Amino acid sequence: MTPLNVDCKISAYCMINISEDVNKIQTAISNVLTDMDGRVSGNSFISNSNNYESLTKIYETIRGNNSQNTYRRHLRANIDKNSTWFYLNKQAAFVDVIAICNEADESPLGPIKIVLHSENIEDVIEWLVSDTE
């Protein structure tokens, strides 16, 4: 993985449905993001990290699936000042598969929302979706 030379904070948000086990949600998030500090807040599970290496699995999946253009499109479309975001399918994440969602309702129990925060958000996007190693 190419080093990222700018600061980046990663946050993951996921609704906890009444029928869901919080431990399974935590597993789903840890299957797609490493080294995250998670907690329950109301009816949501929230995880945070200040280490860009938490994105390693997503970074590798983007290259392995040749899905740079898909992620680039989502990340650029969702830029808001110093952050951007995308959705991942929660059920797929639970079985250790990283699957981006175009819309929240593509994940029947709700998606995992991944938010990237950086003063250099364009650099973070380019690092995550670049075609080179």
N, C-alpha and C. Protein backbone atom coordinates (compact mmCIF):
# COMPACT_ATOMS: atom_id res chain seq x y z
N MET A 1 0.85 -1.18 0.00
CA MET A 1 0.00 0.00 0.00
C MET A 1 0.90 1.23 0.00
N THR A 2 0.62 2.14 -0.91
CA THR A 2 1.35 3.39 -1.00
C THR A 2 1.04 4.24 0.24
N PRO A 3 2.05 4.84 0.87
CA PRO A 3 1.78 5.68 2.05
C PRO A 3 0.95 6.92 1.67
N LEU A 4 0.11 7.33 2.60
CA LEU A 4 -0.66 8.57 2.44
C LEU A 4 0.05 9.64 3.24
N ASN A 5 0.45 10.72 2.59
CA ASN A 5 1.27 11.73 3.23
C ASN A 5 0.48 12.93 3.74
N VAL A 6 -0.81 12.74 4.01
CA VAL A 6 -1.64 13.78 4.61
C VAL A 6 -2.45 13.14 5.73
N ASP A 7 -2.90 13.96 6.68
CA ASP A 7 -3.72 13.45 7.77
C ASP A 7 -5.11 13.09 7.26
N CYS A 8 -5.64 12.00 7.77
CA CYS A 8 -6.97 11.55 7.38
C CYS A 8 -7.64 10.89 8.57
N LYS A 9 -8.84 11.32 8.88
CA LYS A 9 -9.65 10.69 9.91
C LYS A 9 -10.73 9.87 9.22
N ILE A 10 -10.95 8.66 9.70
CA ILE A 10 -11.95 7.78 9.13
C ILE A 10 -13.04 7.55 10.17
N SER A 11 -14.29 7.69 9.75
CA SER A 11 -15.43 7.42 10.63
C SER A 11 -16.35 6.44 9.91
N ALA A 12 -16.96 5.56 10.69
CA ALA A 12 -17.95 4.62 10.15
C ALA A 12 -19.20 4.72 11.00
N TYR A 13 -20.35 4.82 10.35
CA TYR A 13 -21.64 4.94 11.03
C TYR A 13 -22.56 3.84 10.52
N CYS A 14 -23.29 3.25 11.47
CA CYS A 14 -24.19 2.18 11.08
C CYS A 14 -25.38 2.16 12.04
N MET A 15 -26.59 2.16 11.49
CA MET A 15 -27.80 2.04 12.30
C MET A 15 -27.88 0.65 12.90
N ILE A 16 -28.37 0.58 14.13
CA ILE A 16 -28.61 -0.70 14.78
C ILE A 16 -30.11 -0.94 14.76
N ASN A 17 -30.54 -1.90 13.96
CA ASN A 17 -31.95 -2.25 13.91
C ASN A 17 -32.31 -3.10 15.12
N ILE A 18 -33.57 -3.07 15.52
CA ILE A 18 -34.03 -3.81 16.69
C ILE A 18 -33.67 -5.29 16.59
N SER A 19 -33.73 -5.85 15.39
CA SER A 19 -33.48 -7.28 15.19
C SER A 19 -32.00 -7.64 15.10
N GLU A 20 -31.10 -6.65 15.19
CA GLU A 20 -29.68 -6.90 14.98
C GLU A 20 -28.90 -7.02 16.29
N ASP A 21 -27.88 -7.84 16.25
CA ASP A 21 -26.94 -8.02 17.34
C ASP A 21 -25.80 -7.00 17.15
N VAL A 22 -25.54 -6.20 18.15
CA VAL A 22 -24.49 -5.18 18.07
C VAL A 22 -23.14 -5.81 17.76
N ASN A 23 -22.87 -6.99 18.30
CA ASN A 23 -21.60 -7.66 18.05
C ASN A 23 -21.43 -8.00 16.57
N LYS A 24 -22.53 -8.34 15.89
CA LYS A 24 -22.46 -8.63 14.46
C LYS A 24 -22.18 -7.37 13.65
N ILE A 25 -22.71 -6.24 14.10
CA ILE A 25 -22.43 -4.97 13.43
C ILE A 25 -20.96 -4.61 13.62
N GLN A 26 -20.46 -4.81 14.82
CA GLN A 26 -19.05 -4.54 15.09
C GLN A 26 -18.17 -5.44 14.22
N THR A 27 -18.56 -6.70 14.06
CA THR A 27 -17.83 -7.62 13.20
C THR A 27 -17.85 -7.13 11.75
N ALA A 28 -19.01 -6.72 11.28
CA ALA A 28 -19.12 -6.22 9.90
C ALA A 28 -18.17 -5.05 9.67
N ILE A 29 -18.14 -4.11 10.60
CA ILE A 29 -17.25 -2.95 10.45
C ILE A 29 -15.79 -3.37 10.52
N SER A 30 -15.45 -4.25 11.45
CA SER A 30 -14.05 -4.68 11.57
C SER A 30 -13.62 -5.54 10.38
N ASN A 31 -14.56 -6.11 9.64
CA ASN A 31 -14.22 -6.85 8.43
C ASN A 31 -13.81 -5.94 7.28
N VAL A 32 -14.21 -4.68 7.33
CA VAL A 32 -13.87 -3.75 6.24
C VAL A 32 -12.88 -2.67 6.66
N LEU A 33 -12.83 -2.37 7.95
CA LEU A 33 -11.92 -1.34 8.47
C LEU A 33 -11.15 -1.92 9.65
N THR A 34 -9.85 -1.71 9.68
CA THR A 34 -9.04 -2.22 10.77
C THR A 34 -8.72 -1.11 11.77
N ASP A 35 -8.39 -1.51 12.97
CA ASP A 35 -7.89 -0.58 13.99
C ASP A 35 -8.84 0.59 14.24
N MET A 36 -10.13 0.28 14.38
CA MET A 36 -11.13 1.32 14.62
C MET A 36 -11.58 1.27 16.07
N ASP A 37 -11.88 2.43 16.64
CA ASP A 37 -12.39 2.54 18.00
C ASP A 37 -13.90 2.70 17.90
N GLY A 38 -14.66 1.67 18.29
CA GLY A 38 -16.11 1.69 18.11
C GLY A 38 -16.89 1.80 19.40
N ARG A 39 -18.12 2.35 19.28
CA ARG A 39 -19.01 2.48 20.44
C ARG A 39 -20.44 2.59 19.96
N VAL A 40 -21.36 2.25 20.86
CA VAL A 40 -22.78 2.42 20.58
C VAL A 40 -23.18 3.82 21.04
N SER A 41 -23.94 4.49 20.21
CA SER A 41 -24.48 5.81 20.54
C SER A 41 -25.94 5.83 20.10
N GLY A 42 -26.85 5.71 21.07
CA GLY A 42 -28.27 5.65 20.73
C GLY A 42 -28.55 4.39 19.94
N ASN A 43 -29.13 4.55 18.75
CA ASN A 43 -29.42 3.39 17.90
C ASN A 43 -28.42 3.28 16.75
N SER A 44 -27.20 3.77 16.99
CA SER A 44 -26.14 3.71 15.98
C SER A 44 -24.86 3.14 16.57
N PHE A 45 -24.06 2.55 15.69
CA PHE A 45 -22.71 2.12 16.05
C PHE A 45 -21.77 3.05 15.31
N ILE A 46 -20.83 3.64 16.03
CA ILE A 46 -19.91 4.62 15.46
C ILE A 46 -18.48 4.16 15.73
N SER A 47 -17.65 4.18 14.69
CA SER A 47 -16.23 3.83 14.82
C SER A 47 -15.39 4.95 14.24
N ASN A 48 -14.23 5.19 14.84
CA ASN A 48 -13.33 6.24 14.37
C ASN A 48 -11.88 5.77 14.40
N SER A 49 -11.08 6.36 13.52
CA SER A 49 -9.65 6.12 13.50
C SER A 49 -8.96 7.34 12.90
N ASN A 50 -7.76 7.60 13.35
CA ASN A 50 -6.94 8.66 12.76
C ASN A 50 -5.81 8.06 11.93
N ASN A 51 -5.90 6.76 11.65
CA ASN A 51 -4.86 6.05 10.93
C ASN A 51 -5.38 5.63 9.55
N TYR A 52 -4.82 6.19 8.50
CA TYR A 52 -5.28 5.87 7.14
C TYR A 52 -5.15 4.38 6.84
N GLU A 53 -4.26 3.68 7.54
CA GLU A 53 -4.10 2.25 7.30
C GLU A 53 -5.34 1.45 7.70
N SER A 54 -6.28 2.09 8.40
CA SER A 54 -7.56 1.44 8.69
C SER A 54 -8.30 1.11 7.40
N LEU A 55 -7.96 1.81 6.33
CA LEU A 55 -8.61 1.62 5.02
C LEU A 55 -7.95 0.53 4.18
N THR A 56 -6.99 -0.20 4.73
CA THR A 56 -6.22 -1.17 3.96
C THR A 56 -7.09 -2.15 3.18
N LYS A 57 -8.09 -2.74 3.82
CA LYS A 57 -8.93 -3.74 3.14
C LYS A 57 -9.71 -3.11 1.98
N ILE A 58 -10.22 -1.91 2.19
CA ILE A 58 -10.95 -1.22 1.12
C ILE A 58 -9.98 -0.86 -0.01
N TYR A 59 -8.84 -0.34 0.35
CA TYR A 59 -7.80 0.04 -0.60
C TYR A 59 -7.45 -1.15 -1.50
N GLU A 60 -7.22 -2.31 -0.88
CA GLU A 60 -6.85 -3.51 -1.63
C GLU A 60 -8.02 -4.04 -2.47
N THR A 61 -9.23 -3.95 -1.94
CA THR A 61 -10.41 -4.41 -2.68
C THR A 61 -10.64 -3.56 -3.92
N ILE A 62 -10.47 -2.25 -3.79
CA ILE A 62 -10.65 -1.35 -4.94
C ILE A 62 -9.74 -1.77 -6.08
N ARG A 63 -8.48 -2.10 -5.77
CA ARG A 63 -7.54 -2.51 -6.81
C ARG A 63 -7.84 -3.92 -7.31
N GLY A 64 -8.17 -4.82 -6.39
CA GLY A 64 -8.45 -6.20 -6.77
C GLY A 64 -9.68 -6.34 -7.65
N ASN A 65 -10.66 -5.49 -7.43
CA ASN A 65 -11.91 -5.53 -8.22
C ASN A 65 -11.89 -4.55 -9.39
N ASN A 66 -10.79 -3.81 -9.52
CA ASN A 66 -10.68 -2.80 -10.57
C ASN A 66 -11.87 -1.83 -10.51
N SER A 67 -12.18 -1.38 -9.29
CA SER A 67 -13.35 -0.51 -9.10
C SER A 67 -12.97 0.93 -8.76
N GLN A 68 -11.80 1.36 -9.20
CA GLN A 68 -11.34 2.72 -8.93
C GLN A 68 -12.33 3.77 -9.42
N ASN A 69 -12.87 3.59 -10.63
CA ASN A 69 -13.78 4.60 -11.18
C ASN A 69 -15.07 4.72 -10.38
N THR A 70 -15.58 3.59 -9.91
CA THR A 70 -16.81 3.61 -9.11
C THR A 70 -16.59 4.37 -7.82
N TYR A 71 -15.52 4.04 -7.10
CA TYR A 71 -15.24 4.73 -5.84
C TYR A 71 -14.92 6.20 -6.08
N ARG A 72 -14.15 6.50 -7.13
CA ARG A 72 -13.81 7.89 -7.45
C ARG A 72 -15.08 8.71 -7.68
N ARG A 73 -16.01 8.14 -8.43
CA ARG A 73 -17.28 8.84 -8.72
C ARG A 73 -18.05 9.13 -7.42
N HIS A 74 -18.17 8.13 -6.55
CA HIS A 74 -18.90 8.32 -5.29
C HIS A 74 -18.20 9.34 -4.39
N LEU A 75 -16.89 9.19 -4.24
CA LEU A 75 -16.15 10.08 -3.35
C LEU A 75 -16.18 11.53 -3.82
N ARG A 76 -16.06 11.75 -5.10
CA ARG A 76 -16.09 13.12 -5.63
C ARG A 76 -17.50 13.71 -5.56
N ALA A 77 -18.50 12.90 -5.83
CA ALA A 77 -19.89 13.39 -5.78
C ALA A 77 -20.32 13.77 -4.37
N ASN A 78 -19.69 13.15 -3.36
CA ASN A 78 -20.11 13.37 -1.98
C ASN A 78 -19.19 14.30 -1.18
N ILE A 79 -18.30 15.01 -1.86
CA ILE A 79 -17.42 15.95 -1.16
C ILE A 79 -18.25 17.07 -0.54
N ASP A 80 -17.95 17.35 0.72
CA ASP A 80 -18.55 18.48 1.43
C ASP A 80 -17.45 19.11 2.27
N LYS A 81 -16.91 20.21 1.80
CA LYS A 81 -15.78 20.91 2.43
C LYS A 81 -14.59 19.96 2.57
N ASN A 82 -14.28 19.53 3.80
CA ASN A 82 -13.10 18.71 4.05
C ASN A 82 -13.44 17.23 4.29
N SER A 83 -14.55 16.78 3.74
CA SER A 83 -14.91 15.38 3.93
C SER A 83 -15.63 14.83 2.70
N THR A 84 -15.71 13.52 2.65
CA THR A 84 -16.46 12.82 1.63
C THR A 84 -16.89 11.49 2.23
N TRP A 85 -17.79 10.79 1.55
CA TRP A 85 -18.31 9.54 2.11
C TRP A 85 -18.79 8.60 1.02
N PHE A 86 -19.00 7.34 1.43
CA PHE A 86 -19.61 6.32 0.58
C PHE A 86 -20.26 5.28 1.47
N TYR A 87 -21.17 4.51 0.88
CA TYR A 87 -21.87 3.44 1.60
C TYR A 87 -21.29 2.09 1.24
N LEU A 88 -21.25 1.20 2.25
CA LEU A 88 -20.93 -0.20 2.03
C LEU A 88 -22.10 -1.05 2.50
N ASN A 89 -22.31 -2.17 1.84
CA ASN A 89 -23.38 -3.08 2.21
C ASN A 89 -23.03 -3.77 3.53
N LYS A 90 -23.90 -3.62 4.53
CA LYS A 90 -23.64 -4.16 5.87
C LYS A 90 -23.63 -5.69 5.88
N GLN A 91 -24.59 -6.32 5.20
CA GLN A 91 -24.65 -7.78 5.19
C GLN A 91 -23.43 -8.38 4.50
N ALA A 92 -23.01 -7.79 3.41
CA ALA A 92 -21.81 -8.25 2.71
C ALA A 92 -20.59 -8.09 3.62
N ALA A 93 -20.49 -6.97 4.31
CA ALA A 93 -19.37 -6.73 5.21
C ALA A 93 -19.30 -7.79 6.30
N PHE A 94 -20.46 -8.23 6.79
CA PHE A 94 -20.48 -9.24 7.84
C PHE A 94 -19.84 -10.55 7.39
N VAL A 95 -19.97 -10.87 6.11
CA VAL A 95 -19.37 -12.10 5.57
C VAL A 95 -18.03 -11.80 4.88
N ASP A 96 -17.42 -10.67 5.26
CA ASP A 96 -16.07 -10.29 4.83
C ASP A 96 -15.97 -9.96 3.34
N VAL A 97 -17.04 -9.36 2.80
CA VAL A 97 -17.04 -8.90 1.41
C VAL A 97 -17.28 -7.39 1.42
N ILE A 98 -16.45 -6.67 0.68
CA ILE A 98 -16.59 -5.22 0.59
C ILE A 98 -17.37 -4.90 -0.69
N ALA A 99 -18.59 -4.36 -0.51
CA ALA A 99 -19.46 -4.06 -1.65
C ALA A 99 -20.01 -2.64 -1.48
N ILE A 100 -19.65 -1.78 -2.39
CA ILE A 100 -20.13 -0.39 -2.35
C ILE A 100 -21.61 -0.36 -2.76
N CYS A 101 -22.36 0.55 -2.16
CA CYS A 101 -23.78 0.75 -2.49
C CYS A 101 -23.94 2.10 -3.16
N ASN A 102 -24.76 2.15 -4.19
CA ASN A 102 -25.07 3.42 -4.82
C ASN A 102 -26.03 4.24 -3.96
N GLU A 103 -26.95 3.55 -3.30
CA GLU A 103 -27.97 4.19 -2.45
C GLU A 103 -28.05 3.43 -1.14
N ALA A 104 -28.49 4.09 -0.08
CA ALA A 104 -28.59 3.47 1.25
C ALA A 104 -29.50 2.26 1.24
N ASP A 105 -30.59 2.30 0.48
CA ASP A 105 -31.56 1.21 0.51
C ASP A 105 -31.11 -0.04 -0.24
N GLU A 106 -29.91 -0.02 -0.83
CA GLU A 106 -29.37 -1.22 -1.45
C GLU A 106 -28.93 -2.24 -0.41
N SER A 107 -28.76 -1.79 0.82
CA SER A 107 -28.42 -2.68 1.93
C SER A 107 -29.67 -2.80 2.79
N PRO A 108 -30.39 -3.93 2.73
CA PRO A 108 -31.71 -4.05 3.36
C PRO A 108 -31.79 -3.65 4.83
N LEU A 109 -30.74 -3.92 5.62
CA LEU A 109 -30.75 -3.52 7.03
C LEU A 109 -30.05 -2.18 7.25
N GLY A 110 -29.78 -1.49 6.16
CA GLY A 110 -29.08 -0.21 6.24
C GLY A 110 -27.61 -0.41 5.96
N PRO A 111 -26.96 0.60 5.40
CA PRO A 111 -25.55 0.48 5.02
C PRO A 111 -24.61 0.89 6.16
N ILE A 112 -23.35 0.66 5.92
CA ILE A 112 -22.29 1.26 6.73
C ILE A 112 -21.87 2.50 5.96
N LYS A 113 -21.92 3.64 6.59
CA LYS A 113 -21.49 4.88 5.94
C LYS A 113 -20.05 5.16 6.37
N ILE A 114 -19.15 5.22 5.40
CA ILE A 114 -17.74 5.50 5.65
C ILE A 114 -17.49 6.96 5.29
N VAL A 115 -16.99 7.74 6.25
CA VAL A 115 -16.73 9.16 6.04
C VAL A 115 -15.22 9.39 6.21
N LEU A 116 -14.64 10.08 5.23
CA LEU A 116 -13.23 10.44 5.27
C LEU A 116 -13.13 11.94 5.49
N HIS A 117 -12.30 12.34 6.47
CA HIS A 117 -12.13 13.75 6.81
C HIS A 117 -10.65 14.12 6.63
N SER A 118 -10.38 15.19 5.89
CA SER A 118 -9.01 15.64 5.71
C SER A 118 -9.00 17.06 5.18
N GLU A 119 -7.99 17.82 5.58
CA GLU A 119 -7.79 19.16 5.02
C GLU A 119 -7.39 19.05 3.55
N ASN A 120 -6.92 17.88 3.15
CA ASN A 120 -6.49 17.61 1.78
C ASN A 120 -7.33 16.47 1.21
N ILE A 121 -8.64 16.64 1.23
CA ILE A 121 -9.55 15.54 0.85
C ILE A 121 -9.32 15.05 -0.58
N GLU A 122 -8.98 15.94 -1.50
CA GLU A 122 -8.70 15.51 -2.88
C GLU A 122 -7.50 14.57 -2.92
N ASP A 123 -6.48 14.84 -2.11
CA ASP A 123 -5.31 13.95 -2.05
C ASP A 123 -5.69 12.58 -1.50
N VAL A 124 -6.57 12.57 -0.50
CA VAL A 124 -7.02 11.30 0.08
C VAL A 124 -7.78 10.48 -0.96
N ILE A 125 -8.67 11.15 -1.68
CA ILE A 125 -9.43 10.46 -2.73
C ILE A 125 -8.48 9.88 -3.77
N GLU A 126 -7.56 10.68 -4.24
CA GLU A 126 -6.64 10.21 -5.27
C GLU A 126 -5.79 9.05 -4.76
N TRP A 127 -5.34 9.12 -3.51
CA TRP A 127 -4.57 8.02 -2.93
C TRP A 127 -5.41 6.73 -2.91
N LEU A 128 -6.66 6.84 -2.49
CA LEU A 128 -7.50 5.67 -2.34
C LEU A 128 -7.84 5.03 -3.69
N VAL A 129 -8.02 5.83 -4.73
CA VAL A 129 -8.51 5.30 -6.01
C VAL A 129 -7.49 5.35 -7.14
N SER A 130 -6.24 5.71 -6.83
CA SER A 130 -5.25 5.79 -7.91
C SER A 130 -5.01 4.41 -8.50
N ASP A 131 -4.63 4.39 -9.76
CA ASP A 131 -4.40 3.14 -10.48
C ASP A 131 -3.01 2.57 -10.22
N THR A 132 -2.14 3.35 -9.59
CA THR A 132 -0.77 2.90 -9.38
C THR A 132 -0.54 2.54 -7.93
N GLU A 133 0.45 1.73 -7.73
CA GLU A 133 0.84 1.32 -6.37
C GLU A 133 2.01 2.15 -5.93
